[in-house]
C-alpha atoms as a PDB file:
ATOM      1  CA  UNK A   1      49.451 198.187  93.783  1.00  0.00           C
ATOM      2  CA  UNK A   2      51.764 200.585  91.597  1.00  0.00           C
ATOM      3  CA  UNK A   3      53.620 203.190  93.632  1.00  0.00           C
ATOM      4  CA  UNK A   4      55.706 205.552  92.087  1.00  0.00           C
ATOM      5  CA  UNK A   5      58.102 207.501  94.584  1.00  0.00           C
ATOM      6  CA  UNK A   6      59.988 211.022  93.422  1.00  0.00           C
ATOM      7  CA  UNK A   7      62.627 212.881  94.984  1.00  0.00           C
ATOM      8  CA  UNK A   8      61.895 216.290  93.760  1.00  0.00           C
ATOM      9  CA  UNK A   9      65.526 217.784  93.165  1.00  0.00           C
ATOM     10  CA  UNK A  10      66.104 220.302  90.536  1.00  0.00           C
ATOM     11  CA  UNK A  11      68.431 218.106  87.798  1.00  0.00           C
ATOM     12  CA  UNK A  12      69.951 221.759  86.417  1.00  0.00           C
ATOM     13  CA  UNK A  13      71.427 222.829  90.004  1.00  0.00           C
ATOM     14  CA  UNK A  14      74.926 222.787  91.046  1.00  0.00           C
ATOM     15  CA  UNK A  15      74.294 222.621  94.488  1.00  0.00           C
ATOM     16  CA  UNK A  16      71.526 219.220  95.162  1.00  0.00           C
ATOM     17  CA  UNK A  17      73.182 216.376  96.626  1.00  0.00           C
ATOM     18  CA  UNK A  18      74.354 213.780  94.281  1.00  0.00           C
ATOM     19  CA  UNK A  19      73.249 210.620  96.923  1.00  0.00           C
ATOM     20  CA  UNK A  20      70.416 208.754  96.779  1.00  0.00           C
ATOM     21  CA  UNK A  21      67.438 209.433  98.650  1.00  0.00           C
ATOM     22  CA  UNK A  22      67.533 206.988 101.255  1.00  0.00           C
ATOM     23  CA  UNK A  23      63.692 207.604 102.909  1.00  0.00           C
ATOM     24  CA  UNK A  24      62.397 206.361  99.389  1.00  0.00           C
ATOM     25  CA  UNK A  25      64.554 203.224  99.614  1.00  0.00           C
ATOM     26  CA  UNK A  26      63.842 202.661 103.134  1.00  0.00           C
ATOM     27  CA  UNK A  27      60.231 203.100 102.331  1.00  0.00           C
ATOM     28  CA  UNK A  28      59.959 200.847  99.590  1.00  0.00           C
ATOM     29  CA  UNK A  29      61.984 198.115 101.712  1.00  0.00           C
ATOM     30  CA  UNK A  30      59.533 198.296 104.424  1.00  0.00           C
ATOM     31  CA  UNK A  31      56.449 197.653 102.522  1.00  0.00           C
ATOM     32  CA  UNK A  32      58.245 194.968 100.757  1.00  0.00           C
ATOM     33  CA  UNK A  33      59.200 193.590 104.288  1.00  0.00           C
ATOM     34  CA  UNK A  34      56.043 194.159 105.557  1.00  0.00           C
ATOM     35  CA  UNK A  35      53.482 192.767 102.756  1.00  0.00           C
ATOM     36  CA  UNK A  36      55.980 190.478 100.485  1.00  0.00           C
ATOM     37  CA  UNK A  37      57.128 191.279  96.912  1.00  0.00           C
ATOM     38  CA  UNK A  38      53.741 190.248  95.552  1.00  0.00           C
ATOM     39  CA  UNK A  39      51.761 193.597  96.714  1.00  0.00           C
ATOM     40  CA  UNK A  40      53.386 195.972  95.044  1.00  0.00           C
ATOM     41  CA  UNK A  41      55.051 197.452  91.881  1.00  0.00           C
ATOM     42  CA  UNK A  42      57.713 199.990  93.011  1.00  0.00           C
ATOM     43  CA  UNK A  43      59.360 202.789  90.866  1.00  0.00           C
ATOM     44  CA  UNK A  44      61.983 204.917  92.353  1.00  0.00           C
ATOM     45  CA  UNK A  45      62.792 208.557  90.379  1.00  0.00           C
ATOM     46  CA  UNK A  46      65.884 209.831  92.221  1.00  0.00           C
ATOM     47  CA  UNK A  47      66.735 212.750  89.536  1.00  0.00           C
ATOM     48  CA  UNK A  48      65.000 214.278  86.289  1.00  0.00           C
ATOM     49  CA  UNK A  49      63.620 216.892  84.344  1.00  0.00           C
ATOM     50  CA  UNK A  50      60.099 218.062  84.952  1.00  0.00           C
ATOM     51  CA  UNK A  51      58.969 216.750  81.817  1.00  0.00           C
ATOM     52  CA  UNK A  52      60.586 213.092  82.355  1.00  0.00           C
ATOM     53  CA  UNK A  53      59.027 213.069  85.996  1.00  0.00           C
ATOM     54  CA  UNK A  54      55.495 214.052  84.522  1.00  0.00           C
ATOM     55  CA  UNK A  55      55.895 211.719  81.682  1.00  0.00           C
ATOM     56  CA  UNK A  56      57.149 208.815  83.857  1.00  0.00           C
ATOM     57  CA  UNK A  57      53.359 209.576  86.209  1.00  0.00           C
ATOM     58  CA  UNK A  58      51.247 209.302  83.227  1.00  0.00           C
ATOM     59  CA  UNK A  59      53.187 206.219  81.711  1.00  0.00           C
ATOM     60  CA  UNK A  60      53.709 203.782  85.175  1.00  0.00           C
ATOM     61  CA  UNK A  61      49.876 205.047  86.064  1.00  0.00           C
ATOM     62  CA  UNK A  62      50.878 204.540  89.536  1.00  0.00           C
ATOM     63  CA  UNK A  63      48.171 204.277  92.232  1.00  0.00           C
ATOM     64  CA  UNK A  64      49.397 206.333  94.406  1.00  0.00           C
ATOM     65  CA  UNK A  65      52.602 209.025  94.099  1.00  0.00           C
ATOM     66  CA  UNK A  66      54.854 209.313  96.979  1.00  0.00           C
ATOM     67  CA  UNK A  67      57.040 213.126  96.859  1.00  0.00           C
ATOM     68  CA  UNK A  68      60.177 213.442  98.701  1.00  0.00           C
ATOM     69  CA  UNK A  69      61.211 217.265  99.001  1.00  0.00           C
ATOM     70  CA  UNK A  70      63.883 219.645 100.744  1.00  0.00           C
ATOM     71  CA  UNK A  71      62.602 223.446 100.892  1.00  0.00           C
ATOM     72  CA  UNK A  72      64.589 224.873  97.945  1.00  0.00           C
ATOM     73  CA  UNK A  73      62.731 222.199  95.479  1.00  0.00           C
ATOM     74  CA  UNK A  74      59.064 222.316  96.998  1.00  0.00           C
ATOM     75  CA  UNK A  75      57.811 224.258  94.245  1.00  0.00           C
ATOM     76  CA  UNK A  76      59.160 221.410  91.948  1.00  0.00           C
ATOM     77  CA  UNK A  77      57.805 218.741  94.299  1.00  0.00           C
ATOM     78  CA  UNK A  78      54.204 220.720  94.252  1.00  0.00           C
ATOM     79  CA  UNK A  79      54.159 220.771  90.708  1.00  0.00           C
ATOM     80  CA  UNK A  80      54.523 217.285  90.412  1.00  0.00           C
ATOM     81  CA  UNK A  81      51.475 216.826  93.334  1.00  0.00           C
ATOM     82  CA  UNK A  82      49.409 218.781  91.088  1.00  0.00           C
ATOM     83  CA  UNK A  83      50.155 216.796  88.149  1.00  0.00           C
ATOM     84  CA  UNK A  84      49.486 213.360  89.758  1.00  0.00           C
ATOM     85  CA  UNK A  85      46.300 214.691  91.091  1.00  0.00           C
ATOM     86  CA  UNK A  86      45.444 216.238  87.682  1.00  0.00           C
ATOM     87  CA  UNK A  87      45.396 212.456  86.895  1.00  0.00           C
ATOM     88  CA  UNK A  88      42.969 211.434  90.050  1.00  0.00           C
ATOM     89  CA  UNK A  89      46.101 209.663  91.353  1.00  0.00           C
ATOM     90  CA  UNK A  90      46.228 210.355  95.546  1.00  0.00           C
ATOM     91  CA  UNK A  91      49.650 212.134  96.959  1.00  0.00           C
ATOM     92  CA  UNK A  92      51.772 211.493  99.924  1.00  0.00           C
ATOM     93  CA  UNK A  93      54.277 214.582 100.093  1.00  0.00           C
ATOM     94  CA  UNK A  94      57.304 213.713 102.748  1.00  0.00           C
ATOM     95  CA  UNK A  95      60.850 215.019 103.444  1.00  0.00           C
ATOM     96  CA  UNK A  96      62.032 217.276 105.300  1.00  0.00           C
ATOM     97  CA  UNK A  97      60.421 220.667 103.959  1.00  0.00           C
ATOM     98  CA  UNK A  98      56.230 219.309 104.055  1.00  0.00           C
ATOM     99  CA  UNK A  99      57.654 217.415 107.639  1.00  0.00           C
ATOM    100  CA  UNK A 100      58.614 220.893 109.652  1.00  0.00           C
ATOM    101  CA  UNK A 101      56.352 223.284 107.529  1.00  0.00           C
ATOM    102  CA  UNK A 102      53.192 220.787 106.971  1.00  0.00           C
ATOM    103  CA  UNK A 103      50.943 224.158 106.533  1.00  0.00           C
ATOM    104  CA  UNK A 104      52.847 225.538 103.360  1.00  0.00           C
ATOM    105  CA  UNK A 105      51.296 222.744 101.650  1.00  0.00           C
ATOM    106  CA  UNK A 106      48.127 224.298  99.259  1.00  0.00           C
ATOM    107  CA  UNK A 107      44.430 222.537 100.028  1.00  0.00           C
ATOM    108  CA  UNK A 108      44.407 222.407  96.445  1.00  0.00           C
ATOM    109  CA  UNK A 109      47.335 219.853  96.406  1.00  0.00           C
END
């Protein structure tokens, strides 16, 4: 199974964190630990322009996309989710924003 994990960060912002998203790494590690390396092909995108992220979704063609977002980047995360859904790829949203405000996710995504 091919899984793409995306940290929705605005690459042009001066105030974004420069640290990797530990949650995405923990998720990938836990899945590998539980099911073995043979079951999953992971790609993690920590930072990139919207065009880059959408190109990676199209080229990697994952079975599922996981997106992590904080509130200031939630619109960017929704854009990535809509792009993946447009390619009939299931999306799982995570991160601080959606965990605290799950009702903010549009039904269309």
